[in-house]
Amino acid sequence: MISKWSESDAKTVREMICSEDEFINHRLTWLVTLQGLLFAALGIAWEKPKFQFLIILLGIVGIVVSITSFFWPLAIPASDREIVDRMGH
C-alpha cells in the first residue's frame, strides 16, 4: 500500500518509532546491568553459609526481573502499529 502521508507526518512517525527503539535499548541495558550485579552478589554470598537467605532473595529477584522483562517486548509491535494507525494510513 502506498502511503499518502505528508513529509512532516512521516518524519513524526519515524521519530516516534525511533523513540520506542531507544526505550527498548534502555530497558535491555538496565536488564543486563541488573543481572550482572545479581550474579556478582550471588558469587560473593555463595561461599558464606550465613548468607543463605540472601542467596534465596537474589534468586527470587532475578527470576521476577527475568519474567517481567520477558513480557514487555510483546507490547512493542503493538505500540508501533498504534503509532502508525493514529497517523492514519
Protein backbone atom coordinates (compact mmCIF):
# COMPACT_ATOMS: atom_id res chain seq x y z
CA MET A 1 0.00 0.00 0.00
CA ILE A 2 1.36 3.38 -0.98
CA SER A 3 1.47 5.86 1.87
CA LYS A 4 -0.30 9.19 1.48
CA TRP A 5 1.46 10.82 4.39
CA SER A 6 2.97 14.21 4.11
CA GLU A 7 6.68 14.56 4.74
CA SER A 8 6.08 16.03 8.19
CA ASP A 9 3.72 13.16 9.14
CA ALA A 10 6.29 10.60 8.02
CA LYS A 11 9.00 12.42 9.98
CA THR A 12 6.81 12.45 13.10
CA VAL A 13 6.10 8.72 12.85
CA ARG A 14 9.77 8.00 12.23
CA GLU A 15 10.74 9.98 15.35
CA MET A 16 8.11 8.23 17.45
CA ILE A 17 9.30 4.78 16.35
CA CYS A 18 12.94 5.80 16.98
CA SER A 19 11.87 6.86 20.47
CA GLU A 20 10.35 3.41 21.03
CA ASP A 21 13.58 1.78 19.82
CA GLU A 22 15.58 3.93 22.21
CA PHE A 23 13.27 2.86 25.04
CA ILE A 24 13.94 -0.80 24.18
CA ASN A 25 17.67 -0.15 24.23
CA HIS A 26 17.49 1.45 27.68
CA ARG A 27 15.40 -1.39 29.10
CA LEU A 28 17.78 -4.06 27.79
CA THR A 29 20.80 -2.18 29.12
CA TRP A 30 19.23 -1.98 32.58
CA LEU A 31 18.28 -5.67 32.43
CA VAL A 32 21.80 -6.79 31.57
CA THR A 33 23.32 -4.48 34.21
CA LEU A 34 20.97 -5.72 36.92
CA GLN A 35 21.56 -9.36 36.03
CA GLY A 36 25.33 -8.78 36.19
CA LEU A 37 25.04 -7.17 39.61
CA LEU A 38 22.85 -10.02 40.85
CA PHE A 39 25.38 -12.61 39.67
CA ALA A 40 28.23 -10.69 41.31
CA ALA A 41 26.33 -10.51 44.60
CA LEU A 42 25.47 -14.19 44.32
CA GLY A 43 29.13 -15.04 43.76
CA ILE A 44 30.12 -13.13 46.89
CA ALA A 45 27.34 -14.60 49.06
CA TRP A 46 27.68 -18.17 47.76
CA GLU A 47 30.76 -19.04 49.87
CA LYS A 48 29.30 -17.83 53.18
CA PRO A 49 26.73 -20.11 54.86
CA LYS A 50 25.26 -17.30 56.96
CA PHE A 51 24.06 -15.56 53.77
CA GLN A 52 21.67 -18.37 52.77
CA PHE A 53 18.67 -16.02 52.95
CA LEU A 54 20.45 -13.52 50.67
CA ILE A 55 21.10 -16.26 48.11
CA ILE A 56 17.40 -17.15 48.04
CA LEU A 57 16.41 -13.48 47.82
CA LEU A 58 18.82 -12.84 44.93
CA GLY A 59 17.39 -15.85 43.11
CA ILE A 60 13.83 -14.60 43.56
CA VAL A 61 14.72 -11.07 42.41
CA GLY A 62 16.50 -12.48 39.33
CA ILE A 63 13.51 -14.64 38.42
CA VAL A 64 11.00 -11.79 38.86
CA VAL A 65 13.10 -9.40 36.77
CA SER A 66 13.52 -12.01 34.04
CA ILE A 67 9.80 -12.77 33.89
CA THR A 68 8.78 -9.12 33.72
CA SER A 69 11.46 -8.47 31.10
CA PHE A 70 10.08 -11.32 29.01
CA PHE A 71 6.59 -9.83 28.68
CA TRP A 72 7.23 -6.14 27.93
CA PRO A 73 8.74 -6.66 24.41
CA LEU A 74 5.47 -8.28 23.35
CA ALA A 75 3.83 -4.85 23.56
CA ILE A 76 6.39 -3.11 21.31
CA PRO A 77 4.99 -4.17 17.90
CA ALA A 78 1.52 -3.20 19.12
CA SER A 79 2.73 0.27 20.10
CA ASP A 80 4.42 0.74 16.72
CA ARG A 81 1.17 -0.25 14.98
CA GLU A 82 -0.76 2.14 17.20
CA ILE A 83 1.58 4.98 16.21
CA VAL A 84 1.03 4.27 12.52
CA ASP A 85 -2.73 3.83 12.96
CA ARG A 86 -3.08 7.12 14.84
CA MET A 87 -1.40 8.94 11.99
CA GLY A 88 -3.80 7.26 9.55
CA HIS A 89 -2.91 5.15 6.54
